[in-house]
Protein backbone atom coordinates (compact mmCIF):
# COMPACT_ATOMS: atom_id res chain seq x y z
CA MET A 1 73.43 205.63 -118.73
CA ASN A 2 71.00 202.80 -119.30
CA PRO A 3 72.35 199.56 -117.73
CA MET A 4 70.67 197.54 -120.49
CA HIS A 5 72.67 199.39 -123.16
CA CYS A 6 75.91 198.77 -121.26
CA THR A 7 75.12 195.06 -121.06
CA LYS A 8 74.33 194.84 -124.76
CA ASP A 9 77.51 196.75 -125.68
CA ALA A 10 79.56 194.43 -123.49
CA GLU A 11 77.97 191.36 -125.07
CA SER A 12 78.52 192.77 -128.57
CA ALA A 13 82.19 193.50 -127.82
CA SER A 14 82.64 190.01 -126.37
CA ALA A 15 81.02 188.40 -129.42
CA SER A 16 83.24 190.48 -131.71
CA ARG A 17 86.38 189.40 -129.86
CA SER A 18 85.24 185.79 -129.98
CA ALA A 19 84.58 186.00 -133.73
CA ARG A 20 88.02 187.54 -134.34
CA HIS A 21 89.64 184.82 -132.25
CA VAL A 22 87.86 182.10 -134.24
CA PHE A 23 88.82 183.74 -137.54
CA TRP A 24 92.50 184.22 -136.74
CA THR A 25 92.76 180.73 -135.27
CA GLY A 26 91.37 179.30 -138.51
CA PHE A 27 93.61 181.62 -140.56
CA ILE A 28 96.77 180.46 -138.78
CA LEU A 29 95.75 176.79 -138.91
CA ALA A 30 95.13 176.98 -142.67
CA GLY A 31 98.43 178.72 -143.44
CA LEU A 32 100.54 176.53 -141.19
CA GLY A 33 98.75 173.40 -142.38
CA ALA A 34 99.47 174.30 -146.02
CA VAL A 35 103.18 174.83 -145.29
CA LEU A 36 103.55 171.61 -143.28
CA PHE A 37 101.68 169.53 -145.85
CA SER A 38 103.75 170.94 -148.72
CA ALA A 39 106.95 170.24 -146.79
CA LYS A 40 106.36 166.49 -147.13
CA ALA A 41 108.20 166.76 -150.44
CA ILE A 42 111.25 168.09 -148.61
CA VAL A 43 111.27 165.17 -146.17
CA ALA A 44 110.83 162.66 -149.01
CA LYS A 45 113.78 164.18 -150.85
CA LEU A 46 115.93 163.97 -147.70
CA MET A 47 114.96 160.31 -147.27
CA TYR A 48 116.01 159.48 -150.83
CA ARG A 49 119.56 160.43 -149.86
CA TYR A 50 119.65 157.28 -147.69
CA GLY A 51 118.97 154.93 -150.60
CA VAL A 52 115.27 154.31 -150.02
CA ASP A 53 112.64 154.24 -152.77
CA ALA A 54 109.09 155.58 -153.11
CA LEU A 55 107.54 152.49 -151.49
CA ASP A 56 109.82 152.89 -148.47
CA VAL A 57 108.84 156.55 -148.13
CA ILE A 58 105.08 155.98 -148.28
CA GLY A 59 105.31 152.71 -146.32
CA PHE A 60 107.08 154.18 -143.31
CA ARG A 61 104.97 157.33 -143.48
CA MET A 62 101.64 155.51 -143.32
CA MET A 63 102.87 152.86 -140.90
CA LEU A 64 103.79 155.50 -138.33
CA ALA A 65 100.73 157.67 -139.04
CA LEU A 66 98.23 154.78 -138.73
CA PRO A 67 98.03 154.73 -134.90
CA PHE A 68 96.99 158.41 -134.82
CA PHE A 69 94.25 158.02 -137.43
CA ALA A 70 93.13 154.67 -135.99
CA VAL A 71 92.55 156.25 -132.57
CA VAL A 72 90.44 159.04 -134.08
CA ALA A 73 88.54 156.48 -136.20
CA TRP A 74 87.84 154.37 -133.08
CA PHE A 75 86.40 157.36 -131.19
CA GLN A 76 84.25 158.26 -134.19
CA ALA A 77 82.98 154.68 -134.39
CA GLN A 78 82.12 154.79 -130.69
CA ARG A 79 80.09 157.95 -131.23
CA ALA A 80 78.21 156.23 -134.05
CA ARG A 81 77.44 153.27 -131.77
CA ARG A 82 76.02 155.66 -129.17
CA GLY A 83 73.77 157.20 -131.79
CA GLU A 84 75.62 160.57 -131.87
CA LEU A 85 76.58 160.03 -135.52
CA GLU A 86 74.75 158.32 -138.37
CA ARG A 87 75.72 154.68 -138.76
CA LEU A 88 77.38 153.76 -142.04
CA GLY A 89 76.04 151.06 -144.32
CA ILE A 90 78.00 148.57 -146.42
CA ARG A 91 77.78 150.86 -149.44
CA ASP A 92 79.28 153.76 -147.47
CA GLY A 93 82.02 151.48 -146.18
CA LEU A 94 82.96 150.38 -149.70
CA HIS A 95 82.86 154.01 -150.81
CA ILE A 96 85.35 154.96 -148.07
CA VAL A 97 87.64 152.05 -149.01
CA VAL A 98 87.71 153.20 -152.64
CA LEU A 99 88.35 156.81 -151.58
CA GLY A 100 91.16 155.70 -149.25
CA PHE A 101 92.76 153.73 -152.07
CA ILE A 102 92.50 156.49 -154.67
CA GLY A 103 92.95 159.62 -152.61
CA TYR A 104 95.69 158.75 -150.15
CA TYR A 105 97.39 155.52 -151.24
CA LEU A 106 97.52 155.80 -155.03
CA SER A 107 97.93 159.57 -155.11
CA SER A 108 100.72 159.55 -152.51
CA PHE A 109 102.56 156.63 -154.12
CA LEU A 110 102.57 158.30 -157.55
CA ASP A 111 103.61 161.57 -155.93
CA PHE A 112 106.64 160.02 -154.23
CA LEU A 113 107.60 158.18 -157.41
CA GLY A 114 107.67 161.52 -159.20
CA LEU A 115 109.73 163.18 -156.47
CA GLN A 116 112.58 160.81 -157.25
CA THR A 117 113.33 162.74 -160.45
CA ILE A 118 111.77 166.22 -160.21
CA SER A 119 112.24 169.17 -157.88
CA ALA A 120 110.04 169.72 -154.86
CA GLY A 121 108.89 173.06 -156.31
CA LEU A 122 107.66 171.54 -159.58
CA GLU A 123 105.95 168.70 -157.70
CA ARG A 124 103.95 171.14 -155.59
CA LEU A 125 102.85 173.19 -158.61
CA ILE A 126 101.69 170.13 -160.56
CA LEU A 127 99.65 168.98 -157.55
CA PHE A 128 98.02 172.41 -157.51
CA LEU A 129 96.44 171.57 -160.86
CA ALA A 130 94.01 169.26 -159.01
CA PRO A 131 91.28 171.98 -158.78
CA THR A 132 91.41 172.40 -162.56
CA PHE A 133 90.91 168.64 -163.00
CA VAL A 134 87.95 168.79 -160.62
CA LEU A 135 86.50 171.56 -162.76
CA LEU A 136 87.01 169.64 -166.00
CA PHE A 137 85.61 166.38 -164.61
CA SER A 138 82.60 168.24 -163.20
CA ALA A 139 81.97 169.83 -166.58
CA TYR A 140 82.19 166.50 -168.41
CA PHE A 141 80.42 164.16 -166.00
CA LEU A 142 78.08 166.56 -164.15
CA LYS A 143 77.43 168.83 -167.16
CA ARG A 144 78.47 171.99 -165.32
CA ALA A 145 79.40 174.85 -167.63
CA ILE A 146 82.87 176.40 -167.40
CA SER A 147 82.89 180.20 -167.51
CA THR A 148 85.34 182.32 -169.50
CA LYS A 149 87.00 183.44 -166.27
CA GLN A 150 87.57 179.82 -165.28
CA TRP A 151 89.12 178.98 -168.65
CA VAL A 152 91.48 181.94 -168.21
CA ALA A 153 92.34 180.77 -164.68
CA MET A 154 93.17 177.28 -165.93
CA GLY A 155 95.27 178.74 -168.72
CA LEU A 156 97.30 180.77 -166.21
CA ALA A 157 97.84 177.72 -163.99
CA TYR A 158 98.97 175.44 -166.82
CA PHE A 159 101.23 178.11 -168.27
CA GLY A 160 102.87 178.57 -164.86
CA VAL A 161 103.52 174.84 -164.52
CA ALA A 162 104.92 174.76 -168.08
CA LEU A 163 107.44 177.48 -167.17
CA VAL A 164 108.70 175.61 -164.11
CA PHE A 165 108.68 172.30 -166.02
CA TRP A 166 110.88 173.81 -168.75
CA ASP A 167 113.22 175.21 -166.12
CA ASP A 168 113.46 171.80 -164.39
CA LEU A 169 114.02 170.05 -167.71
CA SER A 170 117.00 172.25 -168.47
CA LEU A 171 118.45 171.69 -164.98
CA SER A 172 117.71 168.01 -164.34
CA GLY A 173 117.40 166.29 -167.72
CA GLU A 174 114.82 163.99 -169.26
CA GLY A 175 113.96 162.22 -165.99
CA VAL A 176 111.79 165.25 -165.33
CA ILE A 177 109.28 164.09 -167.97
CA LEU A 178 108.61 160.73 -166.32
CA GLY A 179 108.58 162.25 -162.83
CA SER A 180 106.14 164.93 -163.93
CA MET A 181 103.82 162.29 -165.40
CA PHE A 182 103.79 160.41 -162.09
CA VAL A 183 102.91 163.58 -160.14
CA LEU A 184 100.30 164.49 -162.76
CA GLY A 185 98.76 161.08 -162.12
CA ALA A 186 98.81 161.88 -158.40
CA ALA A 187 96.94 165.14 -159.04
CA LEU A 188 94.39 163.33 -161.23
CA SER A 189 93.72 160.61 -158.65
CA TYR A 190 93.40 163.18 -155.86
CA SER A 191 90.91 165.21 -157.91
CA ILE A 192 88.81 162.05 -158.34
CA TYR A 193 88.96 161.61 -154.56
CA LEU A 194 87.72 165.18 -154.05
CA ILE A 195 84.76 164.65 -156.37
CA GLY A 196 83.95 161.27 -154.84
CA SER A 197 84.06 162.58 -151.27
CA GLY A 198 81.80 165.57 -151.95
CA GLU A 199 78.51 163.74 -151.39
CA LEU A 200 79.81 161.47 -148.64
CA ILE A 201 81.36 164.17 -146.45
CA GLU A 202 77.98 165.83 -145.85
CA ARG A 203 76.66 162.73 -144.13
CA VAL A 204 79.80 161.13 -142.69
CA THR A 205 81.44 164.40 -141.44
CA ALA A 206 84.96 165.49 -142.32
CA THR A 207 86.65 164.11 -139.20
CA ARG A 208 85.23 160.64 -139.62
CA LEU A 209 85.86 160.52 -143.37
CA VAL A 210 89.50 161.58 -143.02
CA ALA A 211 90.16 159.18 -140.13
CA TYR A 212 88.52 156.22 -141.87
CA ALA A 213 89.99 156.91 -145.33
CA MET A 214 93.50 157.49 -143.96
CA SER A 215 93.31 154.29 -141.89
CA VAL A 216 92.24 152.31 -144.96
CA SER A 217 95.01 153.90 -147.00
CA ALA A 218 97.58 153.03 -144.34
CA LEU A 219 96.50 149.39 -144.27
CA ILE A 220 96.63 149.12 -148.09
CA THR A 221 100.06 150.74 -148.07
CA MET A 222 101.36 148.33 -145.44
CA VAL A 223 100.08 145.32 -147.42
CA HIS A 224 101.87 146.63 -150.52
CA PHE A 225 105.04 147.32 -148.54
CA PHE A 226 105.29 143.90 -146.88
CA LEU A 227 104.34 141.99 -150.06
CA VAL A 228 107.21 143.66 -151.91
CA LYS A 229 109.78 144.24 -149.17
CA GLY A 230 108.93 141.59 -146.60
CA ILE A 231 109.82 141.99 -142.95
CA GLY A 232 113.36 142.82 -144.06
CA GLY A 233 112.06 146.10 -145.43
CA LEU A 234 112.00 147.42 -141.87
CA ASP A 235 115.78 147.12 -141.69
CA GLN A 236 116.66 150.78 -142.20
CA GLY A 237 119.02 153.18 -140.48
CA MET A 238 117.93 155.48 -137.67
CA PRO A 239 117.89 158.60 -139.94
CA VAL A 240 115.20 156.95 -142.09
CA TYR A 241 113.05 156.27 -139.01
CA GLU A 242 113.59 159.80 -137.68
CA LEU A 243 112.63 161.41 -141.00
CA SER A 244 109.67 159.03 -141.33
CA MET A 245 108.35 160.05 -137.92
CA ILE A 246 108.58 163.71 -138.95
CA HIS A 247 106.89 162.80 -142.23
CA ALA A 248 104.07 160.94 -140.46
CA VAL A 249 103.35 163.37 -137.64
CA VAL A 250 104.43 166.83 -138.84
CA ASN A 251 103.67 166.46 -142.56
CA THR A 252 100.66 164.12 -142.47
CA VAL A 253 98.66 163.91 -139.22
CA LEU A 254 98.98 167.51 -138.03
CA PRO A 255 98.26 169.31 -141.34
CA THR A 256 95.39 166.94 -142.13
CA PHE A 257 93.54 167.94 -138.97
CA MET A 258 94.75 171.57 -139.09
CA ILE A 259 93.14 172.05 -142.49
CA MET A 260 89.96 170.30 -141.35
CA TRP A 261 89.73 172.52 -138.24
CA SER A 262 90.41 175.58 -140.40
CA VAL A 263 87.49 174.71 -142.71
CA ALA A 264 85.25 174.50 -139.63
CA ARG A 265 86.30 178.03 -138.56
CA ILE A 266 86.75 180.08 -141.73
CA GLY A 267 85.18 177.91 -144.43
CA ALA A 268 86.55 175.89 -147.34
CA PRO A 269 87.00 178.80 -149.82
CA MET A 270 89.33 180.83 -147.59
CA THR A 271 91.17 177.69 -146.47
CA ALA A 272 91.76 176.88 -150.13
CA GLN A 273 93.02 180.41 -150.75
CA LEU A 274 95.52 180.14 -147.90
CA GLY A 275 96.63 176.82 -149.37
CA LEU A 276 98.44 178.93 -151.99
CA ILE A 277 101.11 179.51 -149.36
CA GLY A 278 102.17 175.90 -150.02
CA PRO A 279 103.78 176.19 -153.47
CA VAL A 280 105.36 179.52 -152.53
CA SER A 281 106.83 178.21 -149.27
CA ILE A 282 108.17 175.07 -150.93
CA LEU A 283 110.49 177.13 -153.17
CA PHE A 284 112.25 178.58 -150.14
CA LEU A 285 112.14 175.38 -148.10
CA ALA A 286 113.68 173.44 -151.01
CA TYR A 287 116.40 176.07 -151.32
CA TRP A 288 117.08 176.00 -147.57
CA PHE A 289 117.02 172.23 -146.93
CA LEU A 290 117.88 170.74 -150.34
CA GLY A 291 119.93 173.43 -152.03
CA GLU A 292 117.52 173.56 -155.00
CA PRO A 293 118.04 176.83 -156.90
CA ILE A 294 115.37 179.53 -156.98
CA THR A 295 115.22 180.78 -160.57
CA SER A 296 113.25 183.60 -162.12
CA LEU A 297 111.21 181.08 -164.15
CA GLN A 298 110.24 179.24 -160.96
CA ILE A 299 109.08 182.44 -159.31
CA LEU A 300 107.19 183.54 -162.43
CA GLY A 301 105.59 180.12 -162.85
CA THR A 302 104.54 180.03 -159.20
CA LEU A 303 102.88 183.45 -159.56
CA PHE A 304 100.91 182.25 -162.62
CA VAL A 305 99.74 179.11 -160.81
CA ALA A 306 98.82 181.15 -157.72
CA ALA A 307 96.84 183.60 -159.87
CA GLY A 308 94.94 180.78 -161.57
CA ALA A 309 94.23 178.99 -158.30
CA THR A 310 93.03 182.26 -156.73
CA VAL A 311 90.41 182.77 -159.43
CA LEU A 312 89.24 179.16 -159.16
CA GLY A 313 89.19 179.39 -155.36
CA LYS A 314 86.95 182.47 -155.46
CA ARG A 315 84.64 180.64 -157.80
């Protein structure tokens, strides 16, 4: 047997194993990140049982998450100073501030306002309409045509949300309407963030953009919190602090970087596909932790939204 052939076969097998390892690592990171990020609604609901409001939830979340993102942002800034990354100009800095305000502060605040009156399952499905808003905004502002398949996909997604909304309305009353509007606003603001970050992420890199934008968002949130609540707003029971730490680390910092690392390994399209695990997992998590019922309409609506998001994700 030719030794050269044996060497090549060994190298090919090693490369194949390495590729599989990279793929499955990215696969697991994307799925777990989607579940952990979706579960933030569960933690917020548990916190509301202790008499806190939406500003308390987002305030404690971002306050405790800030040190993690600030450390990453500092290391990224050091790399830029050493010339390893492109330096950012004033215009880029202002762009990041706006994105941090819209994408993480405003979107999260509206989301937690909505969670005060709607179920965690409905909240997650409404947020999954963000890709359809991106599509519509791109068509209007960037003049990109929407195909028939995409219109069908959006129809499926909106029909699925309508089913779960109707089910929530019958179970929870008219507060569902206002709560749904808040979460819809969250989805709209996040879709604007996605469009706005598209050009910037190519030059800034995902890690730096996320670290900078999240740090900005945390600072804005803390200013809002202390202006409204004052230093007395920190006077909360230990359960609120414990849940907030889970919210900050497990449901914010970890999934943010998990999803970013997944994109680096398996690409954005497949990461987005695996994000569909989120609205499905939240139904069972809400049933387990919150006692929210799982109805046939919820399951049917989730399937419609998942089908619509799948078509858009492939596109």
